Amino acid sequence: MRFYIRGLLKRMKIGDTEMKKQALGNLYNVLVEDERFVKLIIKIGDIVNVVVQFLDSSDIEIHREASNIVNLISGFYLYKGFLVKAGIIGPLVCILETGNDLGK
């Protein structure tokens, strides 16, 4: 599984927009399927940084998929610090400032 997740990370980094969407969607599906994989992506580390960077994306689908993954990770109290280290605060503030009333 580690090899598969590293492949997803590579697609997120160097792929085109469609490939990034697919990689984010596949990552989310893996994390939903088995929560133990959240620990694995934390160990890989760089994947959390990439997902957090996608929160600033202008593509709404990429933004939505990244938000879903961040939401899933933040459900684990133990891993919230990793999100903060990855720089989640800035993008979250921007989302809250520019979001609609439902998001606020």
Protein backbone atom coordinates (compact mmCIF):
# COMPACT_ATOMS: atom_id res chain seq x y z
CA MET A 1 0.00 0.00 0.00
CA ARG A 2 2.91 2.33 0.70
CA PHE A 3 3.98 1.97 -2.94
CA TYR A 4 0.45 2.85 -4.13
CA ILE A 5 0.27 5.94 -1.92
CA ARG A 6 3.70 7.10 -3.10
CA GLY A 7 2.42 6.72 -6.66
CA LEU A 8 -0.56 8.90 -5.80
CA LEU A 9 1.81 11.48 -4.32
CA LYS A 10 3.82 11.57 -7.55
CA ARG A 11 0.63 12.06 -9.57
CA MET A 12 -0.40 14.90 -7.28
CA LYS A 13 2.98 16.59 -7.69
CA ILE A 14 3.66 16.24 -11.41
CA GLY A 15 0.35 15.33 -13.00
CA ASP A 16 -2.00 17.54 -14.93
CA THR A 17 -5.20 18.83 -13.34
CA GLU A 18 -7.25 15.74 -14.18
CA MET A 19 -4.56 13.41 -12.83
CA LYS A 20 -4.39 15.44 -9.60
CA LYS A 21 -8.17 15.17 -9.19
CA GLN A 22 -8.05 11.42 -9.69
CA ALA A 23 -5.13 10.98 -7.30
CA LEU A 24 -6.87 13.02 -4.59
CA GLY A 25 -10.10 11.08 -5.09
CA ASN A 26 -8.27 7.75 -4.91
CA LEU A 27 -6.41 8.83 -1.78
CA TYR A 28 -9.66 9.84 -0.12
CA ASN A 29 -11.24 6.49 -1.02
CA VAL A 30 -8.27 4.62 0.45
CA LEU A 31 -8.45 6.62 3.67
CA VAL A 32 -12.19 6.08 4.01
CA GLU A 33 -11.81 2.36 3.30
CA ASP A 34 -9.34 1.81 6.13
CA GLU A 35 -8.45 4.46 8.68
CA ARG A 36 -5.09 2.81 9.35
CA PHE A 37 -3.87 4.37 6.14
CA VAL A 38 -4.15 7.82 7.73
CA LYS A 39 -1.19 6.81 9.88
CA LEU A 40 0.67 5.71 6.75
CA ILE A 41 0.23 9.03 4.95
CA ILE A 42 1.38 10.83 8.09
CA LYS A 43 4.54 8.68 8.05
CA ILE A 44 5.12 9.50 4.38
CA GLY A 45 4.77 13.12 5.44
CA ASP A 46 5.09 15.00 2.19
CA ILE A 47 1.64 13.94 1.07
CA VAL A 48 0.01 15.98 3.84
CA ASN A 49 1.91 19.08 2.70
CA VAL A 50 0.78 18.58 -0.89
CA VAL A 51 -2.86 18.09 0.13
CA VAL A 52 -2.76 21.25 2.25
CA GLN A 53 -1.31 23.20 -0.71
CA PHE A 54 -4.27 22.06 -2.81
CA LEU A 55 -6.59 23.96 -0.47
CA ASP A 56 -5.39 27.09 -2.27
CA SER A 57 -6.26 25.64 -5.67
CA SER A 58 -8.52 27.61 -7.98
CA ASP A 59 -9.98 24.36 -9.33
CA ILE A 60 -13.06 23.65 -7.24
CA GLU A 61 -12.85 19.86 -7.61
CA ILE A 62 -9.24 19.75 -6.44
CA HIS A 63 -10.14 22.09 -3.61
CA ARG A 64 -13.10 19.90 -2.61
CA GLU A 65 -11.11 16.65 -2.68
CA ALA A 66 -8.30 18.21 -0.63
CA SER A 67 -10.86 19.50 1.87
CA ASN A 68 -12.36 16.03 2.22
CA ILE A 69 -8.95 14.53 2.96
CA VAL A 70 -8.06 17.26 5.46
CA ASN A 71 -11.43 16.77 7.15
CA LEU A 72 -10.78 13.05 7.46
CA ILE A 73 -7.27 13.56 8.89
CA SER A 74 -8.47 16.19 11.33
CA GLY A 75 -10.89 13.66 12.78
CA PHE A 76 -7.91 12.08 14.52
CA TYR A 77 -6.77 14.25 17.40
CA LEU A 78 -3.30 12.73 17.28
CA TYR A 79 -2.70 14.00 13.71
CA LYS A 80 -3.98 17.57 13.98
CA GLY A 81 -0.45 18.76 14.80
CA PHE A 82 0.77 17.38 11.47
CA LEU A 83 -1.82 19.48 9.68
CA VAL A 84 -0.65 22.58 11.53
CA LYS A 85 2.98 21.80 10.63
CA ALA A 86 1.91 21.42 7.00
CA GLY A 87 0.58 24.98 7.06
CA ILE A 88 -3.15 24.41 7.27
CA ILE A 89 -3.95 27.59 9.20
CA GLY A 90 -3.45 30.05 6.32
CA PRO A 91 -5.58 28.19 3.77
CA LEU A 92 -8.33 27.61 6.35
CA VAL A 93 -8.48 31.31 7.17
CA CYS A 94 -8.78 32.13 3.46
CA ILE A 95 -11.52 29.53 3.03
CA LEU A 96 -13.46 30.97 5.93
CA GLU A 97 -13.03 34.55 4.73
CA THR A 98 -14.06 33.86 1.14
CA GLY A 99 -16.55 31.06 1.70
CA ASN A 100 -20.31 31.28 1.59
CA ASP A 101 -22.50 31.51 4.68
CA LEU A 102 -22.76 27.73 4.91
CA GLY A 103 -18.96 27.42 5.06
CA LYS A 104 -18.66 30.13 7.67
